[in-house]
Amino acid sequence: MSTGKDRQKQLAREHYERQQQRRIEREQRNKRWAIIGSTVGVVVVVGGIVAAVALLGGGDEPTEAAATPSPQASTSTAAAPQAKPYDAKTGTCGYVPDTGGGQVKDVGMPPAEVKPEPAKKTMTMKTGLGDIVVELDNAKAPCTVNSLQFLAEKGYYDGSKCHRLGNDKFPMLQCGDPTAKADGKSQTDGSGGPGYVLVEENLEGATYKRGVMAMAKTQAPGSTGSQFFLVYGDIQLDPLYTPVGTITKGLDILDKVNKAGVIAGSADGTGAPKETVEIKDVTIDGKS
């Protein structure tokens, strides 16, 4: 027979479990889009997260468990659908809803049917500082290019601000969160996405040297969304992030932004850029 004391223990345990679940959900929102460098002895997390305690001191260590979506408390035992790579036989990509939390600008889901031709496409980002042009590798990253083109045509990136500028050891500018304020104060910058995810592509032999545009993600496979980073130096990263293209114009803009520095650097020295980079419009092969 259960007693009143047993009931109190049960209620206390349920309260504790709810608190833990809310904590996990907060961590998921704040650690949604991570880029972690491992071979230069520095861990850098892009999207407003502090660096690992063991290396840079302060904050919570961004472990894989903390950075990736955890199972939600639910009575359902069904696993979340997993994104699937390009299927040459059917000519389709498997985009799936993003169940990892974070802020969403919902413009729908890209069409599953994908064409890997032409092999190259041109992406033009009109910013307040000038145009940044990228040659996209449609042949090697068809799902990613299809997603970028879909978002561009929906005006998803219009008015967004690049929210994260790197440092000497992590020379990149991260963009693609349409909810980012990029003011050096927001704690949610880097948590925004389109509400769906896709698989990583073109990873074999991937390097992240000056001029590369690659997609941001968490450590979990199949967690690529809308955010991307533009590399203006050489970064030592494991081949986990889709290299989607090469910058053919605008590296001078990135150098200028880098020279201006950050508004208020986090423990890892990265932060919102002082020189605001606002994306006015994105076109891919002339369509937006």
C-alpha atoms as a PDB file:
ATOM      1  CA  MET A   1       0.000   0.000   0.000  1.00  0.00           C
ATOM      2  CA  SER A   2       1.390   3.370  -0.972  1.00  0.00           C
ATOM      3  CA  THR A   3       1.578   6.028   1.727  1.00  0.00           C
ATOM      4  CA  GLY A   4       1.432   9.815   1.665  1.00  0.00           C
ATOM      5  CA  LYS A   5       5.196   9.847   2.096  1.00  0.00           C
ATOM      6  CA  ASP A   6       5.592   7.588  -0.958  1.00  0.00           C
ATOM      7  CA  ARG A   7       3.389   9.960  -2.938  1.00  0.00           C
ATOM      8  CA  GLN A   8       5.514  12.944  -1.860  1.00  0.00           C
ATOM      9  CA  LYS A   9       8.660  11.133  -2.982  1.00  0.00           C
ATOM     10  CA  GLN A  10       7.074  10.366  -6.341  1.00  0.00           C
ATOM     11  CA  LEU A  11       6.012  13.992  -6.827  1.00  0.00           C
ATOM     12  CA  ALA A  12       9.473  15.207  -5.869  1.00  0.00           C
ATOM     13  CA  ARG A  13      11.063  12.774  -8.299  1.00  0.00           C
ATOM     14  CA  GLU A  14       8.738  13.884 -11.128  1.00  0.00           C
ATOM     15  CA  HIS A  15       9.491  17.534 -10.352  1.00  0.00           C
ATOM     16  CA  TYR A  16      13.232  16.838 -10.510  1.00  0.00           C
ATOM     17  CA  GLU A  17      12.829  14.993 -13.836  1.00  0.00           C
ATOM     18  CA  ARG A  18      10.893  17.936 -15.296  1.00  0.00           C
ATOM     19  CA  GLN A  19      13.623  20.326 -14.170  1.00  0.00           C
ATOM     20  CA  GLN A  20      16.277  18.139 -15.777  1.00  0.00           C
ATOM     21  CA  GLN A  21      14.305  17.956 -19.017  1.00  0.00           C
ATOM     22  CA  ARG A  22      13.922  21.743 -19.145  1.00  0.00           C
ATOM     23  CA  ARG A  23      17.671  22.112 -18.533  1.00  0.00           C
ATOM     24  CA  ILE A  24      18.437  19.734 -21.406  1.00  0.00           C
ATOM     25  CA  GLU A  25      16.071  21.620 -23.706  1.00  0.00           C
ATOM     26  CA  ARG A  26      17.739  24.942 -22.815  1.00  0.00           C
ATOM     27  CA  GLU A  27      21.154  23.454 -23.566  1.00  0.00           C
ATOM     28  CA  GLN A  28      19.874  22.166 -26.901  1.00  0.00           C
ATOM     29  CA  ARG A  29      18.585  25.595 -27.876  1.00  0.00           C
ATOM     30  CA  ASN A  30      21.793  27.355 -26.847  1.00  0.00           C
ATOM     31  CA  LYS A  31      24.139  24.763 -28.334  1.00  0.00           C
ATOM     32  CA  ARG A  32      22.232  24.116 -31.531  1.00  0.00           C
ATOM     33  CA  TRP A  33      24.845  24.873 -34.161  1.00  0.00           C
ATOM     34  CA  ALA A  34      28.364  23.940 -33.176  1.00  0.00           C
ATOM     35  CA  ILE A  35      31.631  24.008 -35.060  1.00  0.00           C
ATOM     36  CA  ILE A  36      34.315  22.340 -32.986  1.00  0.00           C
ATOM     37  CA  GLY A  37      37.998  22.513 -33.923  1.00  0.00           C
ATOM     38  CA  SER A  38      40.008  19.597 -32.609  1.00  0.00           C
ATOM     39  CA  THR A  39      43.430  19.541 -34.249  1.00  0.00           C
ATOM     40  CA  VAL A  40      44.732  22.977 -33.291  1.00  0.00           C
ATOM     41  CA  GLY A  41      44.363  22.412 -29.557  1.00  0.00           C
ATOM     42  CA  VAL A  42      41.422  24.809 -29.325  1.00  0.00           C
ATOM     43  CA  VAL A  43      37.751  24.055 -29.094  1.00  0.00           C
ATOM     44  CA  VAL A  44      35.569  26.720 -30.673  1.00  0.00           C
ATOM     45  CA  VAL A  45      31.808  26.530 -30.633  1.00  0.00           C
ATOM     46  CA  VAL A  46      29.992  28.745 -33.104  1.00  0.00           C
ATOM     47  CA  GLY A  47      26.610  30.093 -32.086  1.00  0.00           C
ATOM     48  CA  GLY A  48      27.156  31.821 -28.740  1.00  0.00           C
ATOM     49  CA  ILE A  49      28.552  28.864 -26.757  1.00  0.00           C
ATOM     50  CA  VAL A  50      31.621  29.212 -24.537  1.00  0.00           C
ATOM     51  CA  ALA A  51      34.683  27.037 -25.128  1.00  0.00           C
ATOM     52  CA  ALA A  52      35.453  23.858 -23.216  1.00  0.00           C
ATOM     53  CA  VAL A  53      36.495  24.214 -19.587  1.00  0.00           C
ATOM     54  CA  ALA A  54      39.544  21.999 -19.949  1.00  0.00           C
ATOM     55  CA  LEU A  55      41.090  24.151 -22.668  1.00  0.00           C
ATOM     56  CA  LEU A  56      39.976  27.721 -22.192  1.00  0.00           C
ATOM     57  CA  GLY A  57      38.392  27.876 -18.775  1.00  0.00           C
ATOM     58  CA  GLY A  58      34.907  28.899 -17.684  1.00  0.00           C
ATOM     59  CA  GLY A  59      31.487  27.744 -18.751  1.00  0.00           C
ATOM     60  CA  ASP A  60      30.177  24.273 -19.451  1.00  0.00           C
ATOM     61  CA  GLU A  61      32.117  21.774 -21.511  1.00  0.00           C
ATOM     62  CA  PRO A  62      30.260  21.297 -24.807  1.00  0.00           C
ATOM     63  CA  THR A  63      30.223  17.526 -24.874  1.00  0.00           C
ATOM     64  CA  GLU A  64      28.584  15.586 -27.662  1.00  0.00           C
ATOM     65  CA  ALA A  65      25.657  14.778 -25.411  1.00  0.00           C
ATOM     66  CA  ALA A  66      25.114  18.458 -24.665  1.00  0.00           C
ATOM     67  CA  ALA A  67      25.548  19.656 -28.214  1.00  0.00           C
ATOM     68  CA  THR A  68      23.329  17.136 -29.956  1.00  0.00           C
ATOM     69  CA  PRO A  69      19.568  16.629 -29.735  1.00  0.00           C
ATOM     70  CA  SER A  70      18.634  14.310 -26.882  1.00  0.00           C
ATOM     71  CA  PRO A  71      15.503  12.148 -26.793  1.00  0.00           C
ATOM     72  CA  GLN A  72      12.546  14.153 -25.582  1.00  0.00           C
ATOM     73  CA  ALA A  73      10.466  13.010 -22.632  1.00  0.00           C
ATOM     74  CA  SER A  74       7.511  11.421 -24.310  1.00  0.00           C
ATOM     75  CA  THR A  75       5.257   8.441 -24.064  1.00  0.00           C
ATOM     76  CA  SER A  76       6.110   7.618 -27.675  1.00  0.00           C
ATOM     77  CA  THR A  77       8.980   5.213 -28.380  1.00  0.00           C
ATOM     78  CA  ALA A  78       9.227   6.093 -32.078  1.00  0.00           C
ATOM     79  CA  ALA A  79      12.631   7.386 -33.140  1.00  0.00           C
ATOM     80  CA  ALA A  80      12.904  10.715 -34.929  1.00  0.00           C
ATOM     81  CA  PRO A  81      13.230  10.339 -38.715  1.00  0.00           C
ATOM     82  CA  GLN A  82      16.781  10.536 -40.024  1.00  0.00           C
ATOM     83  CA  ALA A  83      17.831  12.625 -43.008  1.00  0.00           C
ATOM     84  CA  LYS A  84      18.931  10.588 -46.002  1.00  0.00           C
ATOM     85  CA  PRO A  85      21.642  11.285 -48.589  1.00  0.00           C
ATOM     86  CA  TYR A  86      21.081  11.873 -52.273  1.00  0.00           C
ATOM     87  CA  ASP A  87      19.727   8.772 -54.012  1.00  0.00           C
ATOM     88  CA  ALA A  88      20.955   8.708 -57.591  1.00  0.00           C
ATOM     89  CA  LYS A  89      18.382   6.089 -58.586  1.00  0.00           C
ATOM     90  CA  THR A  90      15.395   8.181 -57.557  1.00  0.00           C
ATOM     91  CA  GLY A  91      17.051  11.591 -57.840  1.00  0.00           C
ATOM     92  CA  THR A  92      15.860  12.555 -54.361  1.00  0.00           C
ATOM     93  CA  CYS A  93      17.188  13.827 -51.014  1.00  0.00           C
ATOM     94  CA  GLY A  94      15.716  12.955 -47.634  1.00  0.00           C
ATOM     95  CA  TYR A  95      15.022  16.170 -45.732  1.00  0.00           C
ATOM     96  CA  VAL A  96      13.362  15.673 -42.346  1.00  0.00           C
ATOM     97  CA  PRO A  97      11.897  17.926 -39.618  1.00  0.00           C
ATOM     98  CA  ASP A  98      14.396  19.241 -37.090  1.00  0.00           C
ATOM     99  CA  THR A  99      13.513  17.864 -33.651  1.00  0.00           C
ATOM    100  CA  GLY A 100      16.505  19.384 -31.861  1.00  0.00           C
ATOM    101  CA  GLY A 101      14.891  22.589 -30.639  1.00  0.00           C
ATOM    102  CA  GLY A 102      16.015  26.103 -31.411  1.00  0.00           C
ATOM    103  CA  GLN A 103      14.280  29.042 -33.062  1.00  0.00           C
ATOM    104  CA  VAL A 104      12.607  28.387 -36.389  1.00  0.00           C
ATOM    105  CA  LYS A 105      11.860  30.547 -39.407  1.00  0.00           C
ATOM    106  CA  ASP A 106       9.507  28.197 -41.200  1.00  0.00           C
ATOM    107  CA  VAL A 107       9.388  28.560 -44.975  1.00  0.00           C
ATOM    108  CA  GLY A 108       8.496  24.953 -45.662  1.00  0.00           C
ATOM    109  CA  MET A 109      10.523  21.954 -46.784  1.00  0.00           C
ATOM    110  CA  PRO A 110      12.704  21.807 -49.922  1.00  0.00           C
ATOM    111  CA  PRO A 111      11.455  19.606 -52.765  1.00  0.00           C
ATOM    112  CA  ALA A 112      12.803  16.073 -52.440  1.00  0.00           C
ATOM    113  CA  GLU A 113      13.566  15.870 -56.152  1.00  0.00           C
ATOM    114  CA  VAL A 114      17.071  17.144 -56.816  1.00  0.00           C
ATOM    115  CA  LYS A 115      19.144  17.677 -59.942  1.00  0.00           C
ATOM    116  CA  PRO A 116      22.949  17.473 -59.559  1.00  0.00           C
ATOM    117  CA  GLU A 117      23.328  19.292 -62.867  1.00  0.00           C
ATOM    118  CA  PRO A 118      24.723  21.711 -63.722  1.00  0.00           C
ATOM    119  CA  ALA A 119      27.787  20.679 -61.739  1.00  0.00           C
ATOM    120  CA  LYS A 120      28.382  24.252 -60.544  1.00  0.00           C
ATOM    121  CA  LYS A 121      25.985  27.010 -59.525  1.00  0.00           C
ATOM    122  CA  THR A 122      26.648  30.617 -58.552  1.00  0.00           C
ATOM    123  CA  MET A 123      25.427  32.005 -55.242  1.00  0.00           C
ATOM    124  CA  THR A 124      25.480  35.781 -54.814  1.00  0.00           C
ATOM    125  CA  MET A 125      24.958  37.314 -51.390  1.00  0.00           C
ATOM    126  CA  LYS A 126      24.291  41.029 -51.504  1.00  0.00           C
ATOM    127  CA  THR A 127      25.447  42.526 -48.229  1.00  0.00           C
ATOM    128  CA  GLY A 128      25.737  46.035 -46.864  1.00  0.00           C
ATOM    129  CA  LEU A 129      29.471  45.805 -47.485  1.00  0.00           C
ATOM    130  CA  GLY A 130      29.287  44.499 -51.047  1.00  0.00           C
ATOM    131  CA  ASP A 131      28.680  41.234 -52.861  1.00  0.00           C
ATOM    132  CA  ILE A 132      30.031  37.885 -51.701  1.00  0.00           C
ATOM    133  CA  VAL A 133      29.951  35.354 -54.530  1.00  0.00           C
ATOM    134  CA  VAL A 134      30.336  31.600 -54.077  1.00  0.00           C
ATOM    135  CA  GLU A 135      30.710  28.884 -56.690  1.00  0.00           C
ATOM    136  CA  LEU A 136      28.558  26.052 -55.327  1.00  0.00           C
ATOM    137  CA  ASP A 137      29.496  22.420 -55.953  1.00  0.00           C
ATOM    138  CA  ASN A 138      26.130  21.070 -57.029  1.00  0.00           C
ATOM    139  CA  ALA A 139      27.576  17.774 -58.295  1.00  0.00           C
ATOM    140  CA  LYS A 140      29.155  16.823 -54.958  1.00  0.00           C
ATOM    141  CA  ALA A 141      26.631  18.442 -52.589  1.00  0.00           C
ATOM    142  CA  PRO A 142      23.282  18.323 -54.431  1.00  0.00           C
ATOM    143  CA  CYS A 143      21.098  18.103 -51.313  1.00  0.00           C
ATOM    144  CA  THR A 144      22.857  21.075 -49.733  1.00  0.00           C
ATOM    145  CA  VAL A 145      22.751  23.224 -52.861  1.00  0.00           C
ATOM    146  CA  ASN A 146      19.102  22.371 -53.379  1.00  0.00           C
ATOM    147  CA  SER A 147      18.359  23.456 -49.809  1.00  0.00           C
ATOM    148  CA  LEU A 148      20.290  26.720 -50.195  1.00  0.00           C
ATOM    149  CA  GLN A 149      18.482  27.505 -53.433  1.00  0.00           C
ATOM    150  CA  PHE A 150      15.109  26.748 -51.860  1.00  0.00           C
ATOM    151  CA  LEU A 151      15.838  29.054 -48.920  1.00  0.00           C
ATOM    152  CA  ALA A 152      17.138  31.792 -51.212  1.00  0.00           C
ATOM    153  CA  GLU A 153      14.006  31.673 -53.343  1.00  0.00           C
ATOM    154  CA  LYS A 154      11.873  31.929 -50.198  1.00  0.00           C
ATOM    155  CA  GLY A 155      13.757  35.044 -49.053  1.00  0.00           C
ATOM    156  CA  TYR A 156      14.846  33.159 -45.946  1.00  0.00           C
ATOM    157  CA  TYR A 157      18.210  34.899 -45.628  1.00  0.00           C
ATOM    158  CA  ASP A 158      17.021  38.396 -46.541  1.00  0.00           C
ATOM    159  CA  GLY A 159      17.731  40.849 -43.718  1.00  0.00           C
ATOM    160  CA  SER A 160      19.743  38.338 -41.662  1.00  0.00           C
ATOM    161  CA  LYS A 161      23.032  39.233 -39.985  1.00  0.00           C
ATOM    162  CA  CYS A 162      26.212  37.209 -39.733  1.00  0.00           C
ATOM    163  CA  HIS A 163      26.423  36.626 -36.013  1.00  0.00           C
ATOM    164  CA  ARG A 164      29.791  35.035 -35.271  1.00  0.00           C
ATOM    165  CA  LEU A 165      33.289  36.153 -36.184  1.00  0.00           C
ATOM    166  CA  GLY A 166      36.219  33.872 -35.415  1.00  0.00           C
ATOM    167  CA  ASN A 167      39.754  34.589 -34.290  1.00  0.00           C
ATOM    168  CA  ASP A 168      43.310  34.035 -35.551  1.00  0.00           C
ATOM    169  CA  LYS A 169      43.104  30.302 -34.875  1.00  0.00           C
ATOM    170  CA  PHE A 170      39.554  30.011 -36.156  1.00  0.00           C
ATOM    171  CA  PRO A 171      39.274  32.449 -39.084  1.00  0.00           C
ATOM    172  CA  MET A 172      35.690  32.288 -40.207  1.00  0.00           C
ATOM    173  CA  LEU A 173      32.460  34.280 -40.301  1.00  0.00           C
ATOM    174  CA  GLN A 174      29.262  32.396 -39.519  1.00  0.00           C
ATOM    175  CA  CYS A 175      25.936  33.409 -41.041  1.00  0.00           C
ATOM    176  CA  GLY A 176      22.563  31.912 -41.829  1.00  0.00           C
ATOM    177  CA  ASP A 177      20.618  32.306 -38.584  1.00  0.00           C
ATOM    178  CA  PRO A 178      17.690  34.545 -39.604  1.00  0.00           C
ATOM    179  CA  THR A 179      16.836  35.196 -35.946  1.00  0.00           C
ATOM    180  CA  ALA A 180      20.318  36.382 -34.893  1.00  0.00           C
ATOM    181  CA  LYS A 181      20.655  39.925 -33.571  1.00  0.00           C
ATOM    182  CA  ALA A 182      24.469  40.013 -33.892  1.00  0.00           C
ATOM    183  CA  ASP A 183      24.674  42.720 -31.229  1.00  0.00           C
ATOM    184  CA  GLY A 184      27.057  41.026 -28.836  1.00  0.00           C
ATOM    185  CA  LYS A 185      24.288  40.658 -26.253  1.00  0.00           C
ATOM    186  CA  SER A 186      21.892  38.020 -27.534  1.00  0.00           C
ATOM    187  CA  GLN A 187      22.256  34.600 -25.934  1.00  0.00           C
ATOM    188  CA  THR A 188      20.257  32.868 -28.657  1.00  0.00           C
ATOM    189  CA  ASP A 189      22.316  33.868 -31.698  1.00  0.00           C
ATOM    190  CA  GLY A 190      23.212  30.711 -33.582  1.00  0.00           C
ATOM    191  CA  SER A 191      20.148  28.773 -32.467  1.00  0.00           C
ATOM    192  CA  GLY A 192      17.963  29.630 -35.463  1.00  0.00           C
ATOM    193  CA  GLY A 193      17.167  27.313 -38.340  1.00  0.00           C
ATOM    194  CA  PRO A 194      14.611  26.459 -41.035  1.00  0.00           C
ATOM    195  CA  GLY A 195      12.857  23.694 -39.108  1.00  0.00           C
ATOM    196  CA  TYR A 196      14.411  20.878 -41.129  1.00  0.00           C
ATOM    197  CA  VAL A 197      17.790  19.168 -41.401  1.00  0.00           C
ATOM    198  CA  LEU A 198      19.747  17.302 -44.048  1.00  0.00           C
ATOM    199  CA  VAL A 199      22.752  15.030 -44.297  1.00  0.00           C
ATOM    200  CA  GLU A 200      26.335  16.197 -44.619  1.00  0.00           C
ATOM    201  CA  GLU A 201      27.893  15.800 -48.072  1.00  0.00           C
ATOM    202  CA  ASN A 202      31.245  16.023 -49.867  1.00  0.00           C
ATOM    203  CA  LEU A 203      33.168  15.050 -46.714  1.00  0.00           C
ATOM    204  CA  GLU A 204      35.817  12.771 -48.224  1.00  0.00           C
ATOM    205  CA  GLY A 205      39.104  14.626 -48.028  1.00  0.00           C
ATOM    206  CA  ALA A 206      37.328  17.796 -46.918  1.00  0.00           C
ATOM    207  CA  THR A 207      39.535  20.697 -45.835  1.00  0.00           C
ATOM    208  CA  TYR A 208      38.580  24.157 -44.621  1.00  0.00           C
ATOM    209  CA  LYS A 209      41.074  26.549 -46.167  1.00  0.00           C
ATOM    210  CA  ARG A 210      40.775  30.202 -47.107  1.00  0.00           C
ATOM    211  CA  GLY A 211      37.916  30.689 -49.533  1.00  0.00           C
ATOM    212  CA  VAL A 212      35.809  27.693 -48.484  1.00  0.00           C
ATOM    213  CA  MET A 213      32.114  27.996 -47.680  1.00  0.00           C
ATOM    214  CA  ALA A 214      30.914  25.156 -45.458  1.00  0.00           C
ATOM    215  CA  MET A 215      27.761  24.314 -43.543  1.00  0.00           C
ATOM    216  CA  ALA A 216      27.487  24.533 -39.751  1.00  0.00           C
ATOM    217  CA  LYS A 217      26.004  21.663 -37.741  1.00  0.00           C
ATOM    218  CA  THR A 218      26.018  20.024 -34.326  1.00  0.00           C
ATOM    219  CA  GLN A 219      28.168  16.969 -33.701  1.00  0.00           C
ATOM    220  CA  ALA A 220      25.222  14.732 -34.571  1.00  0.00           C
ATOM    221  CA  PRO A 221      25.281  13.338 -38.123  1.00  0.00           C
ATOM    222  CA  GLY A 222      22.502  14.655 -40.320  1.00  0.00           C
ATOM    223  CA  SER A 223      22.101  17.948 -38.441  1.00  0.00           C
ATOM    224  CA  THR A 224      22.956  20.447 -41.194  1.00  0.00           C
ATOM    225  CA  GLY A 225      20.444  23.278 -41.492  1.00  0.00           C
ATOM    226  CA  SER A 226      20.622  26.823 -42.875  1.00  0.00           C
ATOM    227  CA  GLN A 227      23.742  28.144 -41.150  1.00  0.00           C
ATOM    228  CA  PHE A 228      27.088  28.299 -42.908  1.00  0.00           C
ATOM    229  CA  PHE A 229      30.573  29.657 -42.346  1.00  0.00           C
ATOM    230  CA  LEU A 230      32.867  31.556 -44.690  1.00  0.00           C
ATOM    231  CA  VAL A 231      36.558  30.826 -44.193  1.00  0.00           C
ATOM    232  CA  TYR A 232      39.066  33.660 -44.651  1.00  0.00           C
ATOM    233  CA  GLY A 233      42.104  31.749 -43.310  1.00  0.00           C
ATOM    234  CA  ASP A 234      42.940  28.073 -42.832  1.00  0.00           C
ATOM    235  CA  ILE A 235      41.049  26.098 -40.180  1.00  0.00           C
ATOM    236  CA  GLN A 236      42.089  22.693 -38.877  1.00  0.00           C
ATOM    237  CA  LEU A 237      38.766  20.887 -38.596  1.00  0.00           C
ATOM    238  CA  ASP A 238      37.780  17.267 -38.834  1.00  0.00           C
ATOM    239  CA  PRO A 239      35.889  16.560 -42.098  1.00  0.00           C
ATOM    240  CA  LEU A 240      32.432  16.780 -40.562  1.00  0.00           C
ATOM    241  CA  TYR A 241      31.016  19.916 -42.173  1.00  0.00           C
ATOM    242  CA  THR A 242      29.787  20.015 -45.762  1.00  0.00           C
ATOM    243  CA  PRO A 243      32.156  22.043 -47.970  1.00  0.00           C
ATOM    244  CA  VAL A 244      29.513  23.395 -50.316  1.00  0.00           C
ATOM    245  CA  GLY A 245      31.461  25.905 -52.373  1.00  0.00           C
ATOM    246  CA  THR A 246      34.357  28.263 -52.998  1.00  0.00           C
ATOM    247  CA  ILE A 247      34.288  32.029 -52.504  1.00  0.00           C
ATOM    248  CA  THR A 248      35.172  33.705 -55.812  1.00  0.00           C
ATOM    249  CA  LYS A 249      34.458  37.290 -54.761  1.00  0.00           C
ATOM    250  CA  GLY A 250      34.262  39.031 -51.396  1.00  0.00           C
ATOM    251  CA  LEU A 251      37.244  37.689 -49.473  1.00  0.00           C
ATOM    252  CA  ASP A 252      38.360  41.309 -49.107  1.00  0.00           C
ATOM    253  CA  ILE A 253      35.068  41.964 -47.301  1.00  0.00           C
ATOM    254  CA  LEU A 254      35.768  39.135 -44.864  1.00  0.00           C
ATOM    255  CA  ASP A 255      39.297  40.468 -44.292  1.00  0.00           C
ATOM    256  CA  LYS A 256      37.857  43.907 -43.530  1.00  0.00           C
ATOM    257  CA  VAL A 257      35.344  42.441 -41.078  1.00  0.00           C
ATOM    258  CA  ASN A 258      38.068  40.400 -39.421  1.00  0.00           C
ATOM    259  CA  LYS A 259      40.304  43.450 -39.020  1.00  0.00           C
ATOM    260  CA  ALA A 260      37.525  45.349 -37.234  1.00  0.00           C
ATOM    261  CA  GLY A 261      37.222  42.597 -34.628  1.00  0.00           C
ATOM    262  CA  VAL A 262      34.357  41.585 -32.383  1.00  0.00           C
ATOM    263  CA  ILE A 263      31.941  43.595 -30.252  1.00  0.00           C
ATOM    264  CA  ALA A 264      32.381  41.551 -27.110  1.00  0.00           C
ATOM    265  CA  GLY A 265      34.401  38.372 -27.334  1.00  0.00           C
ATOM    266  CA  SER A 266      33.433  35.230 -25.446  1.00  0.00           C
ATOM    267  CA  ALA A 267      35.959  33.070 -23.591  1.00  0.00           C
ATOM    268  CA  ASP A 268      37.223  31.696 -26.907  1.00  0.00           C
ATOM    269  CA  GLY A 269      37.803  35.159 -28.407  1.00  0.00           C
ATOM    270  CA  THR A 270      35.007  34.921 -30.965  1.00  0.00           C
ATOM    271  CA  GLY A 271      31.832  37.003 -31.014  1.00  0.00           C
ATOM    272  CA  ALA A 272      29.511  39.253 -32.983  1.00  0.00           C
ATOM    273  CA  PRO A 273      31.494  41.283 -35.543  1.00  0.00           C
ATOM    274  CA  LYS A 274      31.903  45.023 -34.991  1.00  0.00           C
ATOM    275  CA  GLU A 275      31.552  45.505 -38.743  1.00  0.00           C
ATOM    276  CA  THR A 276      27.958  44.422 -39.322  1.00  0.00           C
ATOM    277  CA  VAL A 277      27.428  42.033 -42.219  1.00  0.00           C
ATOM    278  CA  GLU A 278      23.764  42.102 -43.169  1.00  0.00           C
ATOM    279  CA  ILE A 279      22.610  39.891 -46.014  1.00  0.00           C
ATOM    280  CA  LYS A 280      20.190  41.919 -48.096  1.00  0.00           C
ATOM    281  CA  ASP A 281      19.400  39.302 -50.714  1.00  0.00           C
ATOM    282  CA  VAL A 282      20.615  35.906 -51.919  1.00  0.00           C
ATOM    283  CA  THR A 283      20.391  34.679 -55.488  1.00  0.00           C
ATOM    284  CA  ILE A 284      21.509  31.383 -56.959  1.00  0.00           C
ATOM    285  CA  ASP A 285      21.990  31.460 -60.698  1.00  0.00           C
ATOM    286  CA  GLY A 286      19.943  34.613 -60.865  1.00  0.00           C
ATOM    287  CA  LYS A 287      16.923  33.357 -58.909  1.00  0.00           C
ATOM    288  CA  SER A 288      15.875  34.478 -55.452  1.00  0.00           C
END
